[in-house]
Amino acid sequence: MTREPDLGALLDRIGWTTGEAADRLGVAGATVRDWASERRRAPPTVIAWLAGVAAAVEACPAQPEGWSAPGPGRRPASLCS
C-alpha cells in the first residue's frame, strides 16, 4: 500500500504556509492547519493537487545568475507559485 504524501512536507516543498495554501484553496486556515497536523484527513484530491504543484515548483528553472531570491528557500512568486 502506497502512503500518501504528508501535507506539511508538500507545503514545505512548495514554499507555502498553511495560510497561503488555505487562500489558494479557498478554505479556512484552520482547515489546512487541521490537515497539516493530521487532526483531520486532507481530501486525496487536495493531496494530489499539492503534489502536482510541488513537482511543478521543483521543475522551475534556476534563477538567473546574480538574482536575489525573496528569502531562504523561497522562489519568485511570479515564476513558481
Protein backbone atom coordinates (compact mmCIF):
# COMPACT_ATOMS: atom_id res chain seq x y z
CA MET A 1 0.00 0.00 0.00
CA THR A 2 1.41 3.39 -1.01
CA ARG A 3 1.43 6.05 1.69
CA GLU A 4 0.09 9.42 0.56
CA PRO A 5 2.48 12.35 0.83
CA ASP A 6 2.49 14.36 4.05
CA LEU A 7 0.64 17.67 3.58
CA GLY A 8 3.14 19.60 5.68
CA ALA A 9 6.05 18.23 3.65
CA LEU A 10 4.26 19.18 0.42
CA LEU A 11 3.72 22.73 1.67
CA ASP A 12 7.42 22.93 2.60
CA ARG A 13 8.42 21.75 -0.89
CA ILE A 14 6.15 24.39 -2.44
CA GLY A 15 7.19 27.14 -0.01
CA TRP A 16 3.67 27.89 1.19
CA THR A 17 2.42 28.40 4.72
CA THR A 18 -0.84 26.79 5.77
CA GLY A 19 -2.42 30.24 5.42
CA GLU A 20 -1.19 30.61 1.84
CA ALA A 21 -2.49 27.15 0.99
CA ALA A 22 -5.85 27.99 2.56
CA ASP A 23 -6.10 31.17 0.49
CA ARG A 24 -5.29 29.31 -2.73
CA LEU A 25 -7.73 26.51 -1.92
CA GLY A 26 -10.49 28.85 -0.74
CA VAL A 27 -10.83 27.20 2.66
CA ALA A 28 -10.38 28.39 6.23
CA GLY A 29 -6.85 28.49 7.61
CA ALA A 30 -7.95 26.23 10.46
CA THR A 31 -8.93 23.59 7.91
CA VAL A 32 -5.45 23.41 6.40
CA ARG A 33 -3.85 23.55 9.86
CA ASP A 34 -6.03 20.57 10.88
CA TRP A 35 -4.94 18.69 7.75
CA ALA A 36 -1.27 19.53 8.36
CA SER A 37 -1.44 18.39 11.99
CA GLU A 38 -3.34 15.24 10.90
CA ARG A 39 -6.20 16.19 13.20
CA ARG A 40 -8.37 15.74 10.09
CA ARG A 41 -7.54 13.85 6.92
CA ALA A 42 -6.92 16.05 3.89
CA PRO A 43 -9.01 15.09 0.84
CA PRO A 44 -7.00 12.88 -1.55
CA THR A 45 -7.72 15.33 -4.38
CA VAL A 46 -6.07 18.13 -2.39
CA ILE A 47 -3.02 15.98 -1.66
CA ALA A 48 -2.75 15.03 -5.35
CA TRP A 49 -3.08 18.68 -6.41
CA LEU A 50 -0.43 19.83 -3.94
CA ALA A 51 1.90 17.03 -5.09
CA GLY A 52 1.49 18.33 -8.65
CA VAL A 53 2.18 21.89 -7.56
CA ALA A 54 5.28 20.73 -5.66
CA ALA A 55 6.56 18.87 -8.72
CA ALA A 56 6.00 21.97 -10.88
CA VAL A 57 7.82 24.21 -8.40
CA GLU A 58 10.75 21.81 -8.24
CA ALA A 59 10.90 21.74 -12.05
CA CYS A 60 11.26 25.53 -12.24
CA PRO A 61 14.47 26.61 -13.89
CA ALA A 62 17.26 28.00 -11.78
CA GLN A 63 17.25 31.72 -11.16
CA PRO A 64 19.43 33.89 -13.36
CA GLU A 65 22.98 34.34 -12.13
CA GLY A 66 23.19 37.14 -9.57
CA TRP A 67 19.44 37.10 -8.97
CA SER A 68 18.44 37.69 -5.36
CA ALA A 69 15.75 35.33 -4.08
CA PRO A 70 12.93 36.77 -1.95
CA GLY A 71 14.05 34.73 1.07
CA PRO A 72 15.66 31.47 2.18
CA GLY A 73 14.07 28.51 0.43
CA ARG A 74 11.60 30.71 -1.46
CA ARG A 75 11.22 31.02 -5.21
CA PRO A 76 9.97 34.11 -7.04
CA ALA A 77 6.19 34.02 -6.87
CA SER A 78 5.80 35.15 -10.47
CA LEU A 79 7.72 32.10 -11.70
CA CYS A 80 6.86 29.20 -9.48
CA SER A 81 3.79 29.67 -7.38
